Protein backbone atom coordinates (compact mmCIF):
# COMPACT_ATOMS: atom_id res chain seq x y z
CA MET A 1 -32.76 28.65 -37.62
CA THR A 2 -35.54 28.78 -35.05
CA THR A 3 -36.00 31.65 -32.48
CA LEU A 4 -36.71 30.00 -28.61
CA LYS A 5 -37.25 31.97 -25.29
CA ILE A 6 -35.50 29.72 -22.59
CA GLU A 7 -37.87 28.79 -19.95
CA ARG A 8 -35.80 26.80 -17.00
CA LEU A 9 -32.97 24.52 -16.70
CA GLY A 10 -33.51 20.80 -16.70
CA GLN A 11 -31.77 18.40 -14.33
CA GLN A 12 -28.81 18.17 -16.53
CA GLY A 13 -28.33 21.66 -16.37
CA ASP A 14 -29.63 22.24 -19.81
CA GLY A 15 -32.13 25.11 -20.92
CA VAL A 16 -35.36 24.17 -21.78
CA ALA A 17 -37.54 25.52 -24.15
CA PRO A 18 -41.34 24.99 -24.64
CA GLY A 19 -41.61 22.00 -26.44
CA PRO A 20 -39.68 20.76 -24.33
CA ILE A 21 -36.52 21.72 -26.59
CA TYR A 22 -33.21 21.19 -24.67
CA ALA A 23 -30.62 24.15 -25.63
CA PRO A 24 -27.11 23.05 -24.22
CA LEU A 25 -25.23 25.97 -22.44
CA THR A 26 -27.89 28.14 -22.24
CA LEU A 27 -30.02 29.74 -19.31
CA PRO A 28 -33.38 31.12 -18.04
CA GLY A 29 -34.75 33.84 -19.90
CA GLU A 30 -32.66 33.98 -22.90
CA THR A 31 -33.58 34.53 -26.45
CA VAL A 32 -31.91 32.04 -28.96
CA THR A 33 -31.59 30.92 -32.09
CA GLY A 34 -30.78 27.18 -33.56
CA VAL A 35 -31.50 24.29 -35.65
CA VAL A 36 -34.09 21.91 -34.16
CA ASP A 37 -32.69 18.18 -33.69
CA GLY A 38 -35.36 16.28 -32.24
CA ASP A 39 -35.41 17.59 -28.84
CA THR A 40 -32.11 19.15 -29.13
CA LEU A 41 -31.14 22.93 -30.23
CA THR A 42 -27.91 22.78 -32.15
CA GLU A 43 -25.63 25.39 -33.58
CA ILE A 44 -27.10 27.68 -30.80
CA ARG A 45 -26.45 31.86 -30.81
CA ILE A 46 -27.47 33.52 -27.84
CA GLU A 47 -29.74 36.64 -28.99
CA ALA A 48 -30.63 37.83 -25.72
CA PRO A 49 -28.51 36.92 -23.00
CA SER A 50 -29.37 36.90 -19.19
CA ALA A 51 -28.33 38.84 -16.69
CA ASP A 52 -26.58 35.58 -14.77
CA ARG A 53 -24.36 34.69 -17.93
CA VAL A 54 -20.86 35.07 -17.09
CA GLN A 55 -17.21 34.75 -19.04
CA ALA A 56 -16.36 30.83 -18.47
CA PRO A 57 -13.41 31.01 -16.46
CA CYS A 58 -11.66 27.73 -18.10
CA PRO A 59 -11.01 28.36 -21.85
CA HIS A 60 -11.92 24.65 -22.28
CA PHE A 61 -15.18 25.20 -21.14
CA LYS A 62 -17.29 24.85 -24.49
CA SER A 63 -15.51 21.84 -25.61
CA CYS A 64 -14.81 19.82 -22.56
CA GLY A 65 -17.69 17.75 -20.75
CA GLY A 66 -16.15 18.08 -17.27
CA CYS A 67 -18.56 21.43 -16.38
CA GLN A 68 -22.11 21.99 -17.30
CA LEU A 69 -22.40 25.55 -15.45
CA GLN A 70 -19.13 27.54 -15.85
CA HIS A 71 -21.61 30.19 -18.01
CA ALA A 72 -23.79 30.99 -15.15
CA SER A 73 -22.89 32.79 -12.11
CA ASP A 74 -22.01 31.67 -8.90
CA ALA A 75 -25.05 32.76 -7.20
CA PHE A 76 -27.35 31.65 -10.00
CA VAL A 77 -25.89 28.27 -9.69
CA ALA A 78 -26.16 28.27 -5.95
CA ASP A 79 -29.79 29.20 -6.20
CA TRP A 80 -30.86 26.90 -8.93
CA LYS A 81 -29.49 23.83 -6.80
CA ARG A 82 -31.45 25.06 -3.85
CA GLN A 83 -34.27 25.16 -6.04
CA ILE A 84 -33.66 21.90 -7.23
CA VAL A 85 -34.09 20.32 -3.42
CA GLN A 86 -36.94 22.55 -2.85
CA THR A 87 -39.02 20.99 -6.07
CA ALA A 88 -38.38 17.58 -5.31
CA LEU A 89 -39.46 18.04 -1.71
CA ALA A 90 -42.86 19.88 -2.62
CA VAL A 91 -43.27 17.39 -5.31
CA GLN A 92 -43.66 14.98 -1.80
CA GLY A 93 -45.70 17.06 0.18
CA VAL A 94 -43.16 17.73 2.39
CA GLU A 95 -42.39 21.48 3.91
CA THR A 96 -39.01 22.04 5.58
CA THR A 97 -36.82 25.19 5.22
CA VAL A 98 -34.15 24.81 2.84
CA ARG A 99 -31.01 26.61 3.59
CA GLU A 100 -29.02 28.77 1.40
CA THR A 101 -26.28 26.06 -0.93
CA LEU A 102 -22.81 25.64 0.34
CA THR A 103 -20.35 25.92 -2.29
CA SER A 104 -17.23 24.32 -2.55
CA PRO A 105 -14.06 26.66 -3.68
CA ASP A 106 -12.54 26.19 -7.15
CA ARG A 107 -9.67 24.36 -7.16
CA SER A 108 -10.51 22.25 -4.41
CA ARG A 109 -11.80 18.66 -6.08
CA ARG A 110 -9.21 15.85 -4.61
CA ARG A 111 -10.52 13.30 -6.82
CA ALA A 112 -11.01 13.21 -10.82
CA SER A 113 -10.98 10.53 -13.54
CA PHE A 114 -9.02 11.27 -16.79
CA ALA A 115 -9.03 9.51 -19.88
CA ALA A 116 -6.28 8.34 -21.27
CA ARG A 117 -5.05 6.88 -24.87
CA ARG A 118 -2.10 6.24 -27.02
CA THR A 119 -1.71 8.28 -30.24
CA LYS A 120 0.47 8.21 -33.41
CA LYS A 121 2.73 11.08 -31.66
CA GLY A 122 2.62 9.54 -28.41
CA ALA A 123 -0.32 9.86 -25.73
CA THR A 124 -3.17 12.08 -24.59
CA THR A 125 -5.43 12.84 -21.49
CA GLY A 126 -8.06 14.65 -20.49
CA PHE A 127 -11.52 14.56 -19.95
CA HIS A 128 -14.13 13.45 -22.18
CA ALA A 129 -15.74 15.93 -24.84
CA ARG A 130 -19.71 16.48 -24.73
CA LYS A 131 -21.28 14.11 -25.60
CA SER A 132 -18.83 12.33 -27.18
CA ASP A 133 -15.71 9.66 -26.65
CA ALA A 134 -13.24 12.04 -28.06
CA ILE A 135 -10.68 13.40 -25.25
CA ILE A 136 -9.90 16.58 -24.59
CA PRO A 137 -6.32 17.97 -22.73
CA VAL A 138 -7.57 20.44 -20.00
CA PRO A 139 -4.54 22.61 -18.66
CA ASN A 140 -4.80 24.22 -15.40
CA CYS A 141 -8.13 22.67 -14.77
CA THR A 142 -10.06 24.77 -12.72
CA LEU A 143 -11.41 22.07 -10.39
CA ILE A 144 -8.86 19.89 -9.65
CA THR A 145 -6.18 20.77 -6.60
CA PRO A 146 -3.02 21.55 -7.42
CA ALA A 147 -1.36 18.14 -6.57
CA LEU A 148 -3.84 16.63 -9.23
CA GLY A 149 -1.91 18.78 -12.37
CA ALA A 150 0.26 16.23 -12.62
CA ALA A 151 -2.26 13.57 -13.12
CA PRO A 152 -1.95 14.11 -17.21
CA ASP A 153 1.74 13.17 -17.06
CA ILE A 154 1.24 10.23 -14.89
CA ALA A 155 -2.00 9.07 -17.27
CA ASN A 156 0.21 9.82 -20.35
CA ALA A 157 2.85 7.35 -19.33
CA LEU A 158 0.41 4.58 -17.94
CA ALA A 159 -1.03 5.06 -21.39
CA LEU A 160 2.14 4.60 -23.61
CA VAL A 161 2.84 1.15 -21.76
CA GLY A 162 -0.57 -0.10 -20.89
CA THR A 163 -3.09 0.34 -24.10
CA SER A 164 -3.23 -0.03 -27.50
CA ARG A 165 -4.25 3.19 -29.99
CA LYS A 166 -7.52 1.54 -30.14
CA GLY A 167 -8.46 1.69 -26.18
CA ALA A 168 -8.81 4.06 -23.61
CA LEU A 169 -7.76 4.20 -20.04
CA ALA A 170 -9.83 5.10 -16.86
CA VAL A 171 -7.08 6.85 -14.61
CA THR A 172 -8.94 7.89 -11.71
CA VAL A 173 -6.35 9.82 -9.17
CA THR A 174 -6.80 11.09 -5.82
CA GLU A 175 -4.79 13.53 -3.62
CA SER A 176 -3.55 12.02 -0.16
CA LEU A 177 -1.49 13.51 2.44
CA ASP A 178 1.15 10.98 1.38
CA GLY A 179 0.82 11.51 -2.38
CA LEU A 180 -1.32 10.61 -5.29
CA ASP A 181 -3.17 7.43 -5.16
CA VAL A 182 -3.65 6.37 -8.82
CA ALA A 183 -6.02 3.29 -9.89
CA VAL A 184 -6.97 2.33 -13.39
CA THR A 185 -9.26 0.15 -15.60
CA GLY A 186 -9.73 -0.33 -19.15
CA GLY A 187 -5.93 -1.69 -20.02
CA LYS A 188 -3.78 -4.08 -21.04
CA PRO A 189 -4.09 -7.83 -18.77
CA LEU A 190 -0.96 -7.76 -17.03
CA ASP A 191 1.53 -9.70 -17.34
CA GLY A 192 5.42 -9.54 -15.83
CA PRO A 193 6.49 -6.97 -18.77
CA LEU A 194 3.53 -4.81 -17.65
CA ARG A 195 4.15 -5.32 -14.08
CA ILE A 196 7.47 -3.80 -14.71
CA ALA A 197 7.14 -1.13 -17.09
CA LEU A 198 3.84 0.19 -14.55
CA ALA A 199 6.16 -0.30 -11.29
CA ARG A 200 8.65 1.93 -13.11
CA VAL A 201 6.25 4.43 -13.38
CA CYS A 202 4.99 4.50 -10.03
CA GLU A 203 8.55 4.95 -8.90
CA ASP A 204 9.27 7.43 -11.49
CA HIS A 205 6.59 9.80 -10.51
CA LYS A 206 6.13 9.11 -7.23
CA LEU A 207 2.79 7.65 -6.63
CA ALA A 208 1.75 6.65 -3.03
CA ARG A 209 0.15 3.86 -4.97
CA LEU A 210 -0.82 2.38 -8.28
CA THR A 211 -4.00 -0.55 -9.25
CA TRP A 212 -3.91 -1.68 -12.47
CA ASP A 213 -7.49 -3.29 -12.62
CA ASP A 214 -8.18 -3.56 -9.01
CA GLU A 215 -4.38 -5.43 -8.61
CA LEU A 216 -1.76 -3.38 -6.58
CA ILE A 217 1.33 -2.75 -8.66
CA GLY A 218 3.49 -0.78 -6.44
CA MET A 219 2.53 1.21 -2.80
CA ARG A 220 5.68 3.72 -1.91
CA VAL A 221 3.89 4.87 1.21
CA PRO A 222 0.31 3.97 2.30
CA PRO A 223 -2.13 6.76 0.84
CA SER A 224 -4.15 7.97 4.09
CA HIS A 225 -6.86 10.43 4.51
CA ALA A 226 -7.53 12.43 8.07
CA ILE A 227 -11.31 11.68 9.10
CA GLY A 228 -11.60 13.58 12.34
CA ALA A 229 -8.82 12.13 14.90
CA ALA A 230 -8.06 9.00 12.46
CA ARG A 231 -6.00 8.37 9.80
CA VAL A 232 -7.41 6.26 7.25
CA VAL A 233 -6.03 4.17 4.01
CA PRO A 234 -9.02 3.56 1.92
CA PRO A 235 -8.51 0.67 -0.61
CA PRO A 236 -8.32 1.57 -3.99
CA GLY A 237 -11.01 3.24 -5.51
CA ALA A 238 -12.99 3.78 -2.43
CA PHE A 239 -15.67 5.99 -1.62
CA LEU A 240 -14.38 9.65 -0.53
CA GLN A 241 -16.13 13.01 -0.57
CA ALA A 242 -14.92 14.98 -3.80
CA THR A 243 -13.73 18.23 -1.89
CA LEU A 244 -12.37 18.78 1.39
CA HIS A 245 -14.19 21.37 1.85
CA GLY A 246 -17.50 19.24 1.18
CA GLN A 247 -16.39 16.40 3.81
CA GLU A 248 -15.45 19.34 6.59
CA THR A 249 -19.03 20.49 5.72
CA LEU A 250 -21.07 17.56 5.66
CA THR A 251 -19.27 16.19 8.94
CA ASN A 252 -20.02 19.39 10.71
CA LEU A 253 -23.71 19.35 10.18
CA VAL A 254 -23.82 15.71 10.99
CA THR A 255 -22.24 16.04 14.34
CA ASP A 256 -24.79 19.12 15.09
CA ILE A 257 -27.50 16.96 14.46
CA LEU A 258 -26.20 14.20 16.61
CA SER A 259 -24.61 16.08 19.17
CA SER A 260 -26.82 14.82 21.99
CA ALA A 261 -26.49 11.25 21.40
CA LYS A 262 -24.18 8.57 22.92
CA SER A 263 -24.80 5.87 20.82
CA VAL A 264 -25.14 6.35 16.86
CA VAL A 265 -25.39 3.93 14.16
CA ASP A 266 -24.04 4.84 11.01
CA LEU A 267 -25.73 3.14 8.10
CA PHE A 268 -23.68 3.61 4.63
CA SER A 269 -20.71 3.92 6.60
CA GLY A 270 -18.27 3.56 3.88
CA CYS A 271 -14.50 4.39 5.19
CA GLY A 272 -15.78 5.92 8.26
CA THR A 273 -16.46 9.89 6.60
CA PHE A 274 -19.36 10.38 9.80
CA ALA A 275 -18.53 7.54 12.14
CA LEU A 276 -15.09 8.30 13.13
CA PRO A 277 -15.69 11.98 13.59
CA LEU A 278 -18.64 11.04 15.87
CA ALA A 279 -16.63 8.66 17.89
CA GLN A 280 -15.25 11.55 19.70
CA ASN A 281 -18.02 11.80 21.50
CA ALA A 282 -20.54 9.03 21.24
CA SER A 283 -20.01 5.04 20.82
CA VAL A 284 -20.90 3.87 16.82
CA LEU A 285 -21.80 0.55 14.82
CA ALA A 286 -20.62 1.08 11.28
CA VAL A 287 -22.37 -0.63 9.03
CA GLU A 288 -21.41 -0.99 5.27
CA SER A 289 -21.41 -4.03 2.50
CA ASP A 290 -17.84 -3.64 1.36
CA ALA A 291 -15.55 -5.32 4.00
CA GLU A 292 -12.57 -3.93 2.81
CA MET A 293 -13.82 -0.23 3.29
CA LEU A 294 -14.83 -1.09 7.02
CA ALA A 295 -11.14 -3.02 7.83
CA ALA A 296 -9.54 0.53 6.80
CA LEU A 297 -12.04 2.03 8.97
CA ASP A 298 -11.32 -0.35 11.91
CA THR A 299 -7.80 0.33 11.37
CA GLY A 300 -7.91 4.00 11.58
CA TRP A 301 -10.11 4.06 14.33
CA ARG A 302 -7.32 1.38 16.18
CA ASN A 303 -4.56 3.94 15.64
CA ALA A 304 -6.14 6.83 16.99
CA GLN A 305 -6.16 8.56 20.18
CA GLY A 306 -9.09 9.36 22.11
CA LEU A 307 -11.77 8.08 20.39
CA LYS A 308 -14.72 5.88 22.17
CA ALA A 309 -16.04 2.49 21.13
CA VAL A 310 -16.69 1.80 17.21
CA ARG A 311 -17.77 -1.48 15.87
CA THR A 312 -17.93 -2.69 12.28
CA GLU A 313 -20.51 -4.97 10.76
CA ALA A 314 -20.20 -6.01 6.84
CA ARG A 315 -24.32 -6.39 5.47
CA ASP A 316 -26.24 -5.55 2.60
CA LEU A 317 -28.61 -2.87 3.60
CA PHE A 318 -30.72 -2.93 0.57
CA ARG A 319 -31.31 -6.83 1.09
CA ARG A 320 -31.02 -6.79 4.99
CA PRO A 321 -31.47 -3.57 6.14
CA LEU A 322 -31.07 -3.29 10.15
CA MET A 323 -34.89 -4.17 12.17
CA PRO A 324 -36.07 -2.01 14.72
CA ASP A 325 -35.36 -4.27 17.36
CA GLU A 326 -31.42 -3.76 16.56
CA LEU A 327 -31.93 0.29 15.92
CA SER A 328 -33.29 0.27 19.28
CA LYS A 329 -30.27 0.03 20.99
CA PHE A 330 -29.02 3.96 19.63
CA ASP A 331 -30.07 7.01 20.01
CA ALA A 332 -29.28 8.42 17.13
CA ALA A 333 -28.77 7.32 13.24
CA VAL A 334 -26.65 9.01 10.16
CA ILE A 335 -27.66 7.39 6.88
CA ASP A 336 -25.52 8.09 3.51
CA PRO A 337 -27.37 5.89 0.71
CA PRO A 338 -26.16 5.82 -2.84
CA ARG A 339 -28.11 7.56 -5.50
CA ALA A 340 -31.10 5.29 -5.03
CA GLY A 341 -31.61 5.99 -1.73
CA ALA A 342 -32.42 3.59 1.18
CA ALA A 343 -36.17 2.84 1.32
CA ALA A 344 -36.13 -0.38 2.85
CA GLN A 345 -33.89 0.95 5.74
CA ILE A 346 -35.60 4.15 5.96
CA ALA A 347 -38.92 2.36 6.58
CA GLU A 348 -37.42 0.40 9.43
CA LEU A 349 -36.15 3.35 10.79
CA ALA A 350 -39.25 5.03 10.83
CA ALA A 351 -40.79 1.81 12.32
CA ALA A 352 -38.03 2.01 14.81
CA GLN A 353 -39.15 5.66 15.93
CA MET A 354 -35.25 6.28 15.97
CA PRO A 355 -35.13 9.79 17.85
CA VAL A 356 -32.40 11.60 15.47
CA ILE A 357 -31.40 10.83 11.75
CA ALA A 358 -28.99 12.93 10.12
CA HIS A 359 -30.02 12.11 6.46
CA VAL A 360 -27.19 12.68 3.84
CA SER A 361 -27.89 12.53 0.25
CA CYS A 362 -26.59 12.70 -3.20
CA ASN A 363 -29.99 12.62 -4.57
CA PRO A 364 -32.85 15.21 -4.23
CA GLN A 365 -35.55 13.27 -5.59
CA THR A 366 -34.91 9.83 -3.39
CA PHE A 367 -34.04 11.87 -0.41
CA ALA A 368 -37.43 13.32 -0.76
CA ARG A 369 -38.95 9.81 -1.48
CA ASP A 370 -37.26 8.54 1.96
CA ALA A 371 -38.20 12.49 3.76
CA LYS A 372 -41.92 11.92 3.11
CA THR A 373 -41.76 8.38 4.52
CA LEU A 374 -40.27 9.52 8.09
CA CYS A 375 -42.55 12.42 7.90
CA ASP A 376 -45.39 10.17 7.33
CA ALA A 377 -44.09 8.34 10.47
CA GLY A 378 -44.00 11.50 12.85
CA TYR A 379 -41.25 13.08 12.34
CA CYS A 380 -40.12 16.94 11.84
CA LEU A 381 -37.47 17.78 8.78
CA ASP A 382 -36.26 21.13 10.82
CA TRP A 383 -34.10 21.94 8.02
CA VAL A 384 -32.16 20.85 4.87
CA GLN A 385 -29.02 22.09 3.89
CA PRO A 386 -27.92 21.72 0.18
CA ILE A 387 -24.11 21.50 -0.59
CA ASP A 388 -22.41 21.93 -4.26
CA GLN A 389 -19.21 19.82 -3.78
CA PHE A 390 -19.56 19.40 -7.73
CA ARG A 391 -18.73 22.69 -8.48
CA TRP A 392 -20.45 24.27 -11.79
CA SER A 393 -22.16 20.53 -12.75
CA SER A 394 -25.90 19.19 -12.22
CA HIS A 395 -25.26 17.35 -9.25
CA VAL A 396 -26.21 18.50 -6.01
CA GLU A 397 -25.89 16.99 -2.57
CA LEU A 398 -27.46 17.61 1.05
CA VAL A 399 -28.04 16.97 4.51
CA GLY A 400 -31.42 16.73 6.34
CA ALA A 401 -32.28 16.93 10.06
CA PHE A 402 -35.05 14.72 11.04
CA PHE A 403 -36.49 15.17 14.77
CA LEU A 404 -38.91 13.08 16.45
CA PRO A 405 -40.98 16.29 18.29
CA HIS A 406 -40.08 15.83 21.50
CA MET A 407 -36.37 15.43 20.45
CA ARG A 408 -36.66 18.65 18.53
CA ASP A 409 -38.37 20.53 21.86
CA GLN A 410 -35.37 19.45 23.70
CA ARG A 411 -33.21 21.25 21.40
CA ARG A 412 -35.31 24.33 21.34
């Protein structure tokens, strides 16, 4: 057995000892023993625990791979995620105020992806074990909303009719205002008998919608979501913020940053998370590559009351970013790119000298890279707000408020 001192947490939430040696489920300052296997410590025993170590709220934590940090106090996790953002900015030489992390409550995840497989005795559903394809049933999961508690029974029923014992389904379940929206991948090819069996599952479990490898099986009622003053029915599998708390927090931050704008461009708009709330006070152009998401946004806007004009444009912003002459028509921008960031579009925003930019990101490293581009172009990064929608995970989101100097002075 080897004795090690844990110095810090890595990006994936594992403890890191000199070497580096990675020790899962450990915390900085702890003395641990175990067997070194390559760059990983196994058979870990905590000899001197950290004051930040707590009893995990879920009894399945050690076996389930869904959470990485239930063994750490909430205060520790919030501060660690804030430090991730601070470090990413420091690497790029960007200085700003990084606020305290805002964390979504437990049992608030409205969307989760379950693994389901047939067994000799029926079927089993849960989350994958740590670094394994084994499925761990997780009754009374501490992450998901109570409505998603019905998901394992639904996934079991789907596995019984839709897969063999050699395969496993990926069953994504989303809570909507109208019931559960279920999207399945990895099952048998659709044929007549399977369609009938799946339609029966949809009816028996009173699902709002069921899709199988992107093909609609049944829709008892369109699964809608409240976004600002609108109700939107996203296409199956479309991106949504993980928690309502996260959606509301992000929306409030973005609308505050852009409060003085009368015309806004929403880049990577999705189904309108920001475009529709912003339309309370500003006209909006929503730009997104997925035409189905834009159609859902447009329908939601048309059926809402009291919103200003919202236009949509289907466009690949990685290959064809909006150029300065197009951006000059707007007072402000919100940009919420995928994890890879949006280096090309950020460069054009900087060249256009867009007065105000609200930058939403799910990757502190690419955000910091893009923040440096804007700051080098004369922008002030007023503040950054970390947000923890994915509680007990290593994932962190954030919002950054960028102003040209004269706009920042006006706000003060």
